[in-house]
Protein backbone atom coordinates (compact mmCIF):
# COMPACT_ATOMS: atom_id res chain seq x y z
CA MET A 1 15.81 -29.08 45.28
CA THR A 2 18.40 -30.01 47.88
CA ALA A 3 20.64 -27.11 48.91
CA THR A 4 24.40 -27.63 48.43
CA THR A 5 27.56 -25.90 49.56
CA LYS A 6 30.02 -24.78 46.92
CA GLY A 7 32.56 -27.51 46.30
CA SER A 8 30.48 -30.14 48.14
CA PRO A 9 28.54 -32.96 46.48
CA ALA A 10 24.75 -32.76 46.51
CA ARG A 11 23.12 -34.76 49.27
CA THR A 12 20.02 -36.86 48.60
CA ALA A 13 17.19 -36.06 50.95
CA GLU A 14 16.51 -38.78 53.50
CA PRO A 15 13.42 -40.75 52.46
CA GLY A 16 10.27 -40.04 54.42
CA PRO A 17 8.78 -42.62 56.79
CA ILE A 18 6.80 -45.50 55.33
CA LEU A 19 4.81 -45.59 58.60
CA GLU A 20 4.10 -42.56 60.77
CA LEU A 21 1.94 -42.55 63.89
CA ASP A 22 1.16 -39.19 65.48
CA ASP A 23 -0.57 -38.92 68.88
CA LEU A 24 -2.37 -42.22 68.21
CA GLY A 25 -4.98 -43.22 70.76
CA VAL A 26 -7.27 -46.27 70.97
CA VAL A 27 -10.20 -46.73 73.35
CA PHE A 28 -12.34 -49.89 73.53
CA THR A 29 -16.00 -49.65 74.50
CA THR A 30 -17.14 -52.56 76.67
CA GLU A 31 -20.17 -53.43 78.76
CA THR A 32 -18.39 -52.09 81.83
CA GLY A 33 -17.32 -48.82 80.19
CA GLU A 34 -14.51 -47.44 78.08
CA ILE A 35 -11.02 -48.94 78.36
CA PRO A 36 -8.07 -46.89 77.04
CA ALA A 37 -5.57 -49.23 75.37
CA VAL A 38 -3.20 -46.77 73.67
CA GLU A 39 -2.56 -43.13 74.55
CA GLY A 40 -0.54 -40.51 72.69
CA VAL A 41 1.74 -42.84 70.72
CA SER A 42 3.99 -41.26 68.10
CA LEU A 43 6.58 -43.20 66.10
CA GLN A 44 8.06 -43.58 62.64
CA VAL A 45 9.41 -46.45 60.55
CA ARG A 46 11.57 -45.55 57.57
CA PRO A 47 12.20 -47.70 54.48
CA GLY A 48 14.73 -50.44 55.19
CA GLU A 49 14.51 -49.85 58.96
CA THR A 50 13.28 -52.16 61.70
CA LEU A 51 11.60 -50.66 64.76
CA ALA A 52 10.93 -53.11 67.58
CA LEU A 53 7.92 -52.45 69.80
CA VAL A 54 8.42 -54.22 73.13
CA GLY A 55 6.59 -54.41 76.44
CA GLU A 56 4.52 -56.69 78.63
CA SER A 57 1.39 -58.52 77.54
CA GLY A 58 -1.48 -56.01 77.53
CA SER A 59 0.81 -52.97 77.13
CA GLY A 60 -0.79 -52.06 73.78
CA LYS A 61 1.83 -53.41 71.33
CA SER A 62 -0.55 -55.52 69.25
CA THR A 63 -3.25 -52.85 69.42
CA ILE A 64 -0.86 -50.40 67.72
CA ALA A 65 -0.06 -52.98 65.03
CA LEU A 66 -3.75 -53.60 64.33
CA ALA A 67 -4.57 -49.89 64.38
CA ALA A 68 -1.84 -49.21 61.82
CA MET A 69 -3.47 -51.71 59.45
CA GLY A 70 -7.04 -50.59 60.19
CA LEU A 71 -7.90 -53.99 61.65
CA LEU A 72 -9.29 -53.04 65.06
CA THR A 73 -12.66 -54.44 66.13
CA GLY A 74 -15.87 -52.46 65.84
CA ASN A 75 -15.88 -51.43 69.50
CA ALA A 76 -12.58 -49.54 69.09
CA ARG A 77 -12.42 -45.76 68.75
CA THR A 78 -9.20 -44.45 67.21
CA THR A 79 -7.89 -40.89 67.47
CA GLY A 80 -4.80 -39.19 66.11
CA SER A 81 -3.09 -40.18 62.88
CA ALA A 82 -1.67 -43.33 61.29
CA VAL A 83 -0.18 -42.90 57.82
CA ILE A 84 1.25 -45.69 55.61
CA ASP A 85 3.06 -44.55 52.45
CA GLY A 86 1.00 -41.34 52.36
CA THR A 87 -2.36 -43.05 53.04
CA GLN A 88 -4.26 -42.03 56.18
CA ILE A 89 -5.49 -45.18 57.90
CA VAL A 90 -7.61 -43.60 60.63
CA GLY A 91 -11.07 -43.10 59.16
CA ALA A 92 -10.19 -44.69 55.79
CA SER A 93 -12.79 -46.71 53.87
CA GLU A 94 -12.61 -50.48 53.81
CA ASN A 95 -12.13 -50.46 50.02
CA GLY A 96 -9.13 -48.18 50.33
CA LEU A 97 -7.61 -50.32 53.07
CA ALA A 98 -8.18 -53.54 51.10
CA ALA A 99 -6.08 -52.18 48.22
CA LEU A 100 -3.27 -51.30 50.64
CA ARG A 101 -3.21 -54.49 52.72
CA GLY A 102 -1.10 -57.29 51.31
CA ARG A 103 0.52 -55.06 48.69
CA THR A 104 1.86 -51.83 50.26
CA ALA A 105 1.68 -53.22 53.79
CA SER A 106 1.42 -56.77 55.11
CA MET A 107 1.06 -58.26 58.54
CA VAL A 108 2.33 -61.42 60.19
CA PHE A 109 -0.14 -62.34 62.90
CA GLN A 110 0.78 -63.79 66.28
CA GLU A 111 -1.38 -66.91 66.06
CA PRO A 112 -1.19 -68.80 62.73
CA ALA A 113 -4.19 -70.99 63.62
CA THR A 114 -6.48 -67.96 63.24
CA ALA A 115 -4.72 -66.57 60.15
CA LEU A 116 -5.01 -69.70 57.99
CA ASP A 117 -8.16 -71.23 56.50
CA PRO A 118 -8.33 -74.79 57.89
CA LEU A 119 -10.28 -76.02 54.84
CA THR A 120 -7.96 -74.69 52.12
CA ARG A 121 -4.62 -76.14 51.01
CA ILE A 122 -1.52 -74.15 51.93
CA GLY A 123 -0.38 -73.49 48.37
CA LYS A 124 -3.79 -72.24 47.31
CA GLN A 125 -3.93 -69.77 50.22
CA ILE A 126 -0.55 -68.29 49.29
CA ALA A 127 -1.46 -68.17 45.60
CA GLU A 128 -4.68 -66.33 46.45
CA VAL A 129 -2.71 -63.58 48.20
CA ILE A 130 -0.51 -63.22 45.10
CA ARG A 131 -3.41 -63.08 42.63
CA ASN A 132 -5.38 -60.61 44.76
CA HIS A 133 -2.77 -57.95 44.01
CA ARG A 134 -1.03 -58.98 40.79
CA GLU A 135 -2.05 -60.11 37.31
CA VAL A 136 -0.58 -63.61 37.55
CA SER A 137 -1.88 -66.87 36.11
CA SER A 138 -2.98 -69.56 38.53
CA LYS A 139 -0.10 -71.76 37.35
CA ASP A 140 2.51 -69.06 37.95
CA ALA A 141 0.97 -68.16 41.32
CA ALA A 142 1.13 -71.81 42.39
CA ALA A 143 4.81 -71.98 41.36
CA GLU A 144 5.50 -68.78 43.33
CA ALA A 145 3.76 -70.26 46.35
CA VAL A 146 6.07 -73.29 46.28
CA ASP A 147 9.11 -71.01 45.95
CA LEU A 148 7.95 -68.92 48.93
CA LEU A 149 7.58 -72.06 51.03
CA ARG A 150 11.13 -72.99 50.08
CA ARG A 151 12.41 -69.49 50.99
CA VAL A 152 10.92 -69.66 54.49
CA GLY A 153 12.43 -73.07 55.16
CA ILE A 154 9.49 -75.46 54.68
CA PRO A 155 10.85 -78.93 53.81
CA GLU A 156 9.49 -80.62 50.67
CA PRO A 157 7.65 -77.44 49.56
CA GLU A 158 5.93 -79.05 46.59
CA ARG A 159 4.30 -81.65 48.85
CA ARG A 160 3.58 -79.19 51.68
CA ALA A 161 1.82 -76.84 49.24
CA ARG A 162 -0.85 -79.55 48.87
CA ALA A 163 -1.23 -79.96 52.65
CA TYR A 164 -3.86 -78.44 54.94
CA PRO A 165 -2.85 -76.30 57.96
CA PHE A 166 -3.66 -79.07 60.47
CA GLN A 167 -1.09 -81.31 58.74
CA LEU A 168 1.76 -78.92 59.63
CA SER A 169 3.47 -78.29 62.95
CA GLY A 170 2.95 -74.99 64.78
CA GLY A 171 6.30 -73.66 63.61
CA GLN A 172 5.62 -74.66 60.01
CA ARG A 173 2.23 -72.88 60.09
CA GLN A 174 3.98 -69.73 61.30
CA ARG A 175 6.40 -69.94 58.38
CA VAL A 176 3.44 -70.24 55.99
CA VAL A 177 1.96 -67.03 57.43
CA ILE A 178 5.30 -65.27 56.88
CA ALA A 179 5.41 -66.57 53.30
CA MET A 180 1.95 -65.06 52.68
CA ALA A 181 3.03 -61.73 54.19
CA ILE A 182 6.11 -61.33 51.97
CA ALA A 183 4.47 -62.74 48.81
CA ASN A 184 4.04 -59.30 47.19
CA GLU A 185 7.22 -57.71 48.60
CA PRO A 186 5.40 -55.02 50.62
CA ARG A 187 6.98 -51.66 51.50
CA LEU A 188 5.92 -52.13 55.15
CA LEU A 189 5.82 -55.37 57.10
CA ILE A 190 4.12 -55.36 60.49
CA ALA A 191 5.24 -58.50 62.30
CA ASP A 192 3.35 -59.33 65.50
CA GLU A 193 5.48 -61.94 67.30
CA PRO A 194 6.65 -63.48 63.98
CA THR A 195 9.01 -65.99 65.60
CA THR A 196 6.96 -66.97 68.66
CA ALA A 197 6.24 -70.52 67.47
CA LEU A 198 9.59 -71.12 65.79
CA ASP A 199 12.55 -73.14 67.04
CA VAL A 200 15.83 -71.28 67.34
CA THR A 201 17.39 -72.46 64.06
CA VAL A 202 14.31 -71.63 61.97
CA GLN A 203 13.94 -68.36 63.90
CA ALA A 204 17.47 -67.43 62.85
CA GLU A 205 16.68 -68.33 59.23
CA ILE A 206 13.47 -66.27 59.25
CA LEU A 207 15.26 -63.25 60.71
CA ASP A 208 17.95 -63.64 58.02
CA LEU A 209 15.18 -63.72 55.40
CA LEU A 210 13.41 -60.62 56.77
CA ARG A 211 16.74 -58.80 57.12
CA ARG A 212 17.58 -59.61 53.47
CA LEU A 213 14.11 -58.49 52.35
CA ALA A 214 14.53 -55.15 54.14
CA ALA A 215 18.00 -54.64 52.64
CA GLU A 216 17.11 -55.64 49.06
CA THR A 217 13.69 -53.99 48.72
CA GLY A 218 13.81 -51.23 51.33
CA THR A 219 10.94 -52.76 53.27
CA GLY A 220 10.32 -51.10 56.62
CA VAL A 221 9.52 -53.45 59.50
CA LEU A 222 7.50 -52.79 62.65
CA LEU A 223 8.43 -55.74 64.86
CA VAL A 224 6.14 -56.47 67.82
CA THR A 225 7.87 -58.92 70.14
CA HIS A 226 8.69 -59.87 73.71
CA ASN A 227 11.88 -61.71 72.71
CA MET A 228 14.79 -59.43 73.58
CA GLY A 229 17.22 -61.74 71.75
CA VAL A 230 15.25 -61.21 68.53
CA VAL A 231 15.26 -57.45 69.20
CA ALA A 232 19.05 -57.48 69.63
CA ASP A 233 19.49 -59.57 66.48
CA PHE A 234 17.13 -57.73 64.14
CA ALA A 235 16.07 -54.24 65.27
CA ASP A 236 17.65 -50.89 64.45
CA ARG A 237 15.59 -48.95 66.98
CA VAL A 238 13.44 -49.93 69.98
CA ALA A 239 10.30 -48.39 71.49
CA VAL A 240 9.33 -49.66 74.96
CA MET A 241 5.62 -49.62 75.88
CA TYR A 242 4.06 -49.59 79.32
CA HIS A 243 0.32 -49.23 80.03
CA GLY A 244 -0.44 -47.99 76.52
CA ARG A 245 2.32 -45.39 76.35
CA ILE A 246 5.86 -45.33 74.98
CA VAL A 247 8.20 -44.81 77.94
CA GLU A 248 11.56 -45.13 76.17
CA THR A 249 12.79 -45.14 72.60
CA GLY A 250 16.16 -45.07 70.88
CA PRO A 251 18.78 -47.08 68.98
CA VAL A 252 18.84 -50.76 69.91
CA GLU A 253 22.27 -50.58 71.57
CA ASP A 254 21.25 -47.66 73.77
CA VAL A 255 17.96 -49.19 74.92
CA LEU A 256 19.22 -52.73 75.55
CA LEU A 257 22.66 -51.90 76.93
CA ARG A 258 22.06 -48.49 78.54
CA PRO A 259 18.35 -48.32 79.46
CA THR A 260 17.19 -45.13 81.17
CA HIS A 261 13.69 -46.12 82.34
CA ASP A 262 13.13 -48.35 85.37
CA TYR A 263 10.53 -50.39 83.48
CA THR A 264 13.02 -51.18 80.68
CA ARG A 265 15.58 -52.28 83.24
CA ARG A 266 13.00 -54.58 84.89
CA LEU A 267 12.13 -56.13 81.51
CA LEU A 268 15.78 -56.84 80.74
CA ALA A 269 16.37 -58.28 84.21
CA ALA A 270 13.59 -60.84 83.58
CA VAL A 271 15.17 -62.19 80.36
CA PRO A 272 16.43 -65.78 80.84
CA ARG A 273 20.09 -66.01 79.82
CA LEU A 274 21.59 -69.05 78.14
CA SER A 275 24.90 -69.54 79.91
CA VAL A 276 26.80 -70.69 76.81
CA ALA A 277 25.66 -67.73 74.79
CA GLU A 278 27.95 -64.95 75.96
CA THR A 279 31.49 -64.53 77.23
CA ALA A 280 32.22 -64.67 80.93
CA ASP A 281 33.64 -61.13 81.16
CA THR A 282 30.53 -59.51 79.67
CA THR A 283 27.95 -57.80 81.85
CA ASP A 284 24.41 -57.13 80.73
CA ALA A 285 22.20 -54.09 81.07
CA THR A 286 21.20 -55.04 84.61
CA GLY A 287 24.79 -55.14 85.81
CA LEU A 288 24.76 -58.92 86.30
CA PRO A 289 27.20 -61.23 84.54
CA ALA A 290 25.61 -62.22 81.24
CA THR A 291 26.54 -65.86 81.78
CA THR A 292 24.89 -66.09 85.19
CA VAL A 293 22.04 -68.57 84.93
CA PRO A 294 20.35 -69.90 88.06
CA ALA A 295 20.55 -73.62 88.61
CA PRO A 296 17.45 -75.48 87.42
CA THR A 297 14.68 -74.88 89.92
CA GLY A 298 11.86 -77.03 88.61
CA GLY A 299 11.70 -79.35 91.63
CA PRO A 300 14.03 -81.64 93.56
CA ALA A 301 17.08 -83.40 92.25
CA ALA A 302 16.83 -84.93 88.83
CA GLY A 303 16.02 -88.56 88.28
CA PRO A 304 18.25 -91.04 86.49
CA SER A 305 19.47 -89.98 83.06
CA ASP A 306 19.44 -93.53 81.75
CA PRO A 307 15.90 -94.14 80.43
CA SER A 308 16.26 -97.88 80.94
CA ALA A 309 17.35 -97.67 84.57
CA GLY A 310 15.30 -99.75 86.96
CA SER A 311 13.40 -98.52 90.02
CA ASP A 312 13.75 -99.83 93.54
CA GLY A 313 10.39 -98.81 94.91
CA PRO A 314 7.15 -96.86 94.28
CA GLU A 315 8.86 -93.56 95.10
CA ASP A 316 11.34 -94.16 92.23
CA GLN A 317 8.76 -95.36 89.73
CA PRO A 318 8.51 -92.98 86.76
CA VAL A 319 5.32 -90.98 86.41
CA VAL A 320 5.45 -91.49 82.66
CA GLU A 321 7.83 -93.61 80.59
CA LEU A 322 8.21 -94.20 76.86
CA ARG A 323 10.07 -97.35 75.83
CA ASP A 324 11.33 -97.76 72.25
CA ILE A 325 8.38 -95.81 70.82
CA SER A 326 7.87 -95.57 67.07
CA VAL A 327 5.01 -93.72 65.37
CA VAL A 328 4.28 -94.00 61.66
CA PHE A 329 1.52 -91.96 59.98
CA GLY A 330 0.15 -93.30 56.69
CA ARG A 331 1.26 -96.30 54.64
CA GLY A 332 3.55 -97.17 51.80
CA LYS A 333 5.41 -94.32 50.07
CA ALA A 334 3.25 -91.74 51.87
CA ALA A 335 4.25 -93.06 55.31
CA VAL A 336 5.78 -90.50 57.67
CA HIS A 337 8.03 -91.78 60.48
CA ALA A 338 7.22 -89.26 63.20
CA LEU A 339 9.06 -91.13 65.99
CA ASP A 340 11.69 -93.83 65.73
CA GLY A 341 12.85 -95.76 68.81
CA VAL A 342 12.23 -92.99 71.36
CA SER A 343 12.79 -93.82 75.05
CA PHE A 344 12.70 -91.49 78.04
CA ARG A 345 11.14 -91.25 81.50
CA VAL A 346 9.94 -88.49 83.83
CA GLY A 347 10.29 -89.14 87.56
CA PRO A 348 8.12 -87.84 90.43
CA ALA A 349 8.48 -84.05 90.94
CA GLU A 350 10.98 -83.93 88.07
CA THR A 351 10.95 -81.60 85.07
CA LEU A 352 12.18 -83.04 81.77
CA GLY A 353 12.77 -80.62 78.90
CA LEU A 354 12.01 -81.90 75.41
CA VAL A 355 13.76 -79.73 72.80
CA GLY A 356 14.50 -79.78 69.08
CA GLU A 357 13.57 -78.10 65.82
CA SER A 358 10.03 -77.78 64.51
CA GLY A 359 8.97 -81.18 63.16
CA SER A 360 11.54 -83.06 65.27
CA GLY A 361 8.78 -85.05 67.01
CA LYS A 362 8.64 -83.19 70.35
CA SER A 363 4.89 -82.60 70.36
CA THR A 364 4.21 -86.07 68.94
CA ALA A 365 6.16 -87.64 71.81
CA ALA A 366 4.17 -85.55 74.29
CA ARG A 367 0.88 -86.69 72.74
CA VAL A 368 2.03 -90.32 72.90
CA ALA A 369 2.74 -89.80 76.61
CA LEU A 370 -0.80 -88.46 77.02
CA GLY A 371 -2.29 -91.46 75.22
CA LEU A 372 -3.67 -89.24 72.45
CA ILE A 373 -1.56 -90.92 69.74
CA PRO A 374 -1.20 -94.71 69.87
CA PRO A 375 2.37 -95.84 69.16
CA THR A 376 3.03 -98.06 66.15
CA SER A 377 5.41 -100.02 68.38
CA GLY A 378 6.81 -99.74 71.90
CA THR A 379 5.07 -99.22 75.26
CA VAL A 380 3.87 -96.24 77.28
CA SER A 381 3.62 -96.41 81.05
CA LEU A 382 1.53 -93.77 82.86
CA PHE A 383 1.46 -93.79 86.68
CA GLY A 384 2.69 -97.39 86.53
CA SER A 385 -0.04 -98.60 84.14
CA ASP A 386 0.57 -99.76 80.57
CA LEU A 387 -1.64 -97.46 78.47
CA GLY A 388 -1.80 -100.00 75.65
CA ARG A 389 -3.49 -102.52 77.96
CA THR A 390 -5.70 -100.10 79.90
CA ARG A 391 -9.44 -100.08 79.23
CA ALA A 392 -11.32 -96.89 78.38
CA ARG A 393 -12.78 -96.22 81.85
CA ALA A 394 -9.46 -96.81 83.62
CA ARG A 395 -7.66 -94.69 81.04
CA ARG A 396 -10.07 -91.84 81.71
CA ALA A 397 -9.28 -92.10 85.43
CA LEU A 398 -5.55 -91.95 84.65
CA ARG A 399 -6.02 -88.85 82.52
CA ALA A 400 -7.66 -87.07 85.45
CA GLY A 401 -4.15 -86.94 86.90
CA ILE A 402 -2.75 -85.04 83.90
CA GLY A 403 -2.81 -81.32 83.23
CA VAL A 404 -2.10 -80.12 79.69
CA VAL A 405 -1.00 -76.72 78.39
CA LEU A 406 -1.03 -76.64 74.57
CA GLN A 407 1.05 -74.44 72.30
CA ASP A 408 -1.84 -72.45 70.83
CA PRO A 409 -4.20 -70.96 73.46
CA VAL A 410 -6.73 -69.89 70.82
CA ALA A 411 -7.21 -73.48 69.67
CA SER A 412 -7.37 -74.87 73.22
CA LEU A 413 -9.98 -72.45 74.62
CA ASP A 414 -13.62 -72.50 73.49
CA ALA A 415 -14.46 -69.01 72.20
CA ARG A 416 -18.12 -69.52 73.16
CA MET A 417 -17.32 -70.01 76.85
CA THR A 418 -16.35 -67.53 79.50
CA ILE A 419 -12.91 -67.92 81.05
CA GLY A 420 -14.52 -69.29 84.20
CA GLU A 421 -16.38 -71.94 82.19
CA CYS A 422 -13.16 -72.92 80.32
CA ILE A 423 -11.31 -73.45 83.60
CA ALA A 424 -14.25 -75.27 85.20
CA GLU A 425 -14.67 -77.79 82.37
CA PRO A 426 -12.09 -80.32 83.74
CA LEU A 427 -13.80 -80.08 87.15
CA ARG A 428 -17.22 -80.83 85.64
CA ILE A 429 -15.80 -83.89 83.84
CA HIS A 430 -13.60 -85.37 86.58
CA ARG A 431 -14.96 -83.87 89.84
CA ARG A 432 -18.71 -84.16 89.52
CA ASP A 433 -19.09 -84.27 93.31
CA LEU A 434 -18.10 -80.60 93.65
CA SER A 435 -20.82 -78.04 94.32
CA ALA A 436 -21.07 -74.87 92.24
CA LYS A 437 -19.70 -72.89 95.19
CA ASP A 438 -16.67 -75.18 95.57
CA ARG A 439 -16.06 -75.05 91.81
CA GLN A 440 -16.08 -71.26 91.91
CA ALA A 441 -13.66 -71.25 94.83
CA LYS A 442 -11.21 -73.47 92.89
CA ILE A 443 -11.49 -71.22 89.81
CA SER A 444 -10.73 -68.12 91.89
CA ALA A 445 -7.79 -69.83 93.62
CA VAL A 446 -6.18 -71.04 90.39
CA LEU A 447 -6.57 -67.58 88.77
CA ASP A 448 -4.70 -66.17 91.74
CA ARG A 449 -1.96 -68.76 91.21
CA VAL A 450 -1.39 -67.78 87.58
CA ARG A 451 -1.44 -64.05 88.44
CA LEU A 452 -4.73 -63.18 86.75
CA PRO A 453 -7.44 -61.04 88.39
CA ARG A 454 -10.55 -62.96 89.40
CA GLU A 455 -12.75 -60.67 87.28
CA VAL A 456 -11.23 -62.35 84.20
CA ALA A 457 -13.54 -65.33 84.86
CA ARG A 458 -16.47 -63.33 83.46
CA ARG A 459 -14.71 -62.44 80.21
CA THR A 460 -14.28 -64.47 76.99
CA PRO A 461 -10.98 -65.60 75.39
CA ARG A 462 -11.19 -63.01 72.58
CA GLU A 463 -11.19 -60.21 75.17
CA LEU A 464 -7.76 -61.21 76.46
CA SER A 465 -4.25 -60.73 75.08
CA GLY A 466 -2.25 -63.70 73.80
CA GLY A 467 -0.23 -63.89 77.00
CA GLN A 468 -3.33 -63.72 79.18
CA ARG A 469 -4.96 -66.54 77.21
CA GLN A 470 -1.87 -68.69 77.74
CA ARG A 471 -2.12 -68.13 81.49
CA VAL A 472 -5.78 -69.18 81.34
CA SER A 473 -4.63 -72.42 79.65
CA LEU A 474 -2.21 -72.96 82.52
CA ALA A 475 -4.97 -72.33 85.08
CA ARG A 476 -7.19 -74.87 83.31
CA ALA A 477 -4.35 -77.43 83.43
CA LEU A 478 -3.67 -76.89 87.14
CA VAL A 479 -7.23 -76.75 88.44
CA LEU A 480 -7.29 -80.56 89.04
CA GLU A 481 -3.94 -80.46 90.90
CA PRO A 482 -2.41 -83.03 88.52
CA ARG A 483 0.34 -85.59 89.12
CA LEU A 484 1.77 -84.84 85.66
CA LEU A 485 1.83 -81.54 83.79
CA VAL A 486 2.49 -81.78 80.05
CA ALA A 487 3.39 -78.31 78.80
CA ASP A 488 3.79 -77.86 75.04
CA GLU A 489 5.46 -74.44 74.55
CA PRO A 490 3.70 -72.99 77.62
CA THR A 491 5.65 -69.72 77.61
CA SER A 492 6.09 -69.14 73.88
CA ALA A 493 3.33 -66.47 73.78
CA LEU A 494 4.39 -64.71 76.99
CA ASP A 495 6.50 -61.61 77.43
CA VAL A 496 9.63 -62.07 79.52
CA SER A 497 8.30 -60.73 82.82
CA VAL A 498 5.07 -62.75 82.62
CA GLN A 499 7.07 -65.78 81.47
CA GLU A 500 9.22 -65.44 84.56
CA ALA A 501 6.13 -65.20 86.78
CA VAL A 502 4.48 -68.24 85.15
CA LEU A 503 7.61 -70.37 85.54
CA GLU A 504 7.80 -69.28 89.18
CA VAL A 505 4.16 -70.34 89.61
CA ILE A 506 4.81 -73.76 88.06
CA THR A 507 7.92 -74.22 90.20
CA GLU A 508 6.09 -73.16 93.36
CA LEU A 509 3.14 -75.45 92.67
CA GLN A 510 5.45 -78.29 91.72
CA GLY A 511 7.10 -77.91 95.12
CA ASP A 512 3.70 -77.90 96.86
CA LEU A 513 1.98 -80.65 94.87
CA GLY A 514 4.98 -82.72 93.73
CA PHE A 515 3.77 -83.19 90.16
CA ALA A 516 6.12 -84.20 87.36
CA CYS A 517 6.46 -81.96 84.31
CA LEU A 518 7.14 -82.83 80.67
CA PHE A 519 8.21 -79.47 79.28
CA VAL A 520 8.22 -79.18 75.47
CA SER A 521 9.96 -76.03 74.28
CA HIS A 522 12.22 -74.49 71.67
CA ASP A 523 13.45 -71.87 74.16
CA LEU A 524 16.74 -73.38 75.32
CA ALA A 525 17.36 -70.62 77.87
CA VAL A 526 14.05 -71.36 79.59
CA VAL A 527 14.75 -75.11 79.53
CA GLN A 528 18.19 -74.55 81.01
CA HIS A 529 16.69 -72.52 83.83
CA PHE A 530 13.65 -74.70 84.48
CA ALA A 531 14.38 -78.38 83.76
CA GLN A 532 16.67 -80.84 85.55
CA ARG A 533 17.10 -83.09 82.51
CA VAL A 534 16.80 -82.52 78.79
CA VAL A 535 16.09 -84.70 75.74
CA VAL A 536 17.27 -83.30 72.40
CA MET A 537 15.22 -84.58 69.44
CA ARG A 538 15.90 -84.52 65.72
CA ALA A 539 13.84 -86.01 62.88
CA GLY A 540 11.88 -88.28 65.22
CA ARG A 541 14.90 -89.62 67.09
CA ILE A 542 16.70 -88.73 70.30
CA GLU A 543 19.98 -87.03 69.46
CA GLU A 544 21.19 -86.93 73.06
CA GLN A 545 19.83 -86.71 76.59
CA GLY A 546 21.13 -86.13 80.08
CA SER A 547 21.26 -83.57 82.87
CA THR A 548 20.48 -80.06 81.66
CA GLY A 549 23.79 -78.64 82.87
CA THR A 550 25.85 -81.25 81.06
CA THR A 551 23.83 -81.46 77.85
CA LEU A 552 23.41 -77.71 77.24
CA LEU A 553 26.78 -76.60 78.60
CA HIS A 554 28.85 -79.42 77.10
CA PRO A 555 26.85 -80.93 74.21
CA GLU A 556 28.13 -84.11 72.63
CA THR A 557 26.62 -83.72 69.15
CA ASP A 558 27.06 -81.13 66.40
CA TYR A 559 23.29 -80.81 66.15
CA THR A 560 22.92 -79.66 69.76
CA ARG A 561 25.83 -77.27 69.28
CA ARG A 562 24.08 -75.78 66.22
CA LEU A 563 20.88 -75.33 68.23
CA LEU A 564 22.78 -73.47 70.95
CA ALA A 565 24.62 -71.31 68.41
CA ALA A 566 21.31 -70.18 66.88
CA VAL A 567 19.93 -68.83 70.18
CA PRO A 568 19.87 -65.00 69.98
CA VAL A 569 21.16 -63.15 73.05
CA PRO A 570 19.79 -59.81 74.31
CA ASP A 571 23.01 -57.93 73.60
CA PRO A 572 23.17 -56.39 70.10
CA VAL A 573 26.98 -56.19 70.09
CA VAL A 574 27.47 -59.82 71.15
CA GLN A 575 24.64 -60.99 68.92
CA ARG A 576 26.15 -59.29 65.87
CA GLY A 577 29.32 -61.35 66.35
CA ARG A 578 27.37 -64.56 66.97
CA ARG A 579 25.33 -64.01 63.81
CA ALA A 580 28.45 -63.41 61.70
CA GLU A 581 30.05 -66.55 63.13
CA ARG A 582 26.91 -68.62 62.50
CA LEU A 583 26.60 -67.40 58.89
CA ALA A 584 30.29 -68.09 58.28
CA THR A 585 29.87 -71.62 59.63
CA LEU A 586 26.83 -72.20 57.39
CA ALA A 587 28.70 -70.85 54.34
CA ALA A 588 31.67 -73.10 55.09
CA GLY A 589 29.33 -76.08 55.44
CA ARG A 590 27.71 -75.35 52.06
CA THR A 591 31.11 -74.98 50.39
CA GLU A 592 32.28 -78.27 51.88
CA ALA A 593 29.09 -80.02 50.72
CA GLN A 594 29.57 -78.72 47.16
CA THR A 595 33.18 -79.92 47.00
């Protein structure tokens, strides 16, 4: 019974934590010995609370999330305690954990390609999660699955429920994983980079959804992320990890605005700032003006903004150019117009940012530029050659001048190969004259360039963190010293400090080698920092394009303004006001539409 003072109302005891870690430690046993991943971690998540776990790639964030769910690999040894809703996870049987997962606690994984069954329709996968934990008919479960897809912002949910994972964009697959995680309204949601693959508007919608879920059902959230804007927008408390230990913890405003640890200050200093996002008289946690954004550094001066502008000589000839490109998938009523009249060019040593919401056609346009998707109409010029008229052997020679970094490093790296073999594969295909010794020298050199130790070459992709795998993808793309780098969300899986280092590497190499870069991203702050020009896409069309400074600082269209307004900033006070303003604008728009 709660003690009371005479004349005072009785106070309800504060609810106990839904998740409690006490002196948690994790050690992995490998062929080269034992590797400590987590040491002495203690934290709590209470019902309705969000705790953000932040830190660099490899700091142990995801290991803690997996340990809390009992999902670590067989070579992991766990010590200490991890309790979810009174159930001890460390040492628990698999049967006991199976009853808990998906009902009491759910997890949103970082990479949706590994979390979804490629051979099963989306709706059936969600319905299976529902029926595993509740007595629901298959018909009702299917209806719930469609409703969940609608709640997480999937367009045409009835049709998408019948689709397979490969038929959805990366952002849409991530939303499906979130729908599966919240299907049974769990008491604890462990979200490992839940918004990594999402564009800013959908990211804002997902955070609104998770925030509403926590408020309505008292769900506690352990949020693992490297996005400080998301932390500012969503978290109540923050725990900062470094080399497997928590070095700082506290309320979100204290940690982000008044950090006490040098490591936290370095993390915040590496966050790219969108210059339109905050007021000019605000200073951030590093003491720098929050609106200070370096001028784009991705190479020399930008090329012409007019995609139809002519060229006077070989030095002005675009590296890649799309002219009035349309792409239609399917026929008749089932036809999908992925691109409609798209035209843009990328000049030598220039970086062009391609931005827009998930499903806007960004990745499709990049694949057309690579020659991987033939256009329904229009022409593609690569290094001055018309791809539509180029024979197979000549096209292969052209592709040797292209490096590609895909959005999902798990899907782009062969799990059966070592890292060294993955990086060497383009050399074996296009540089058959190289000796084994020369190949090894190039592998070592490119690992140095992407800030990975050379010993990584002997490991496999599954032994690396998500951020490390993305850097391996970049090394593989750069090993041929390409004339064109096509980067599809190359920094989406990277923490802010590694992201900064990778962009510095690309910029440095672009200066040395002079390659052009087609940079596909939903991170507008990164695009503003890195690209000279930007193309904003929506529903398969170009909404506007021009120099990055003009387009992102002074957008001409409402759509671009909405994209910019949805970008979270790493200041919880400022972000709270931006969120309220965005929600008020959305509510006003809905009211206007109804009237």
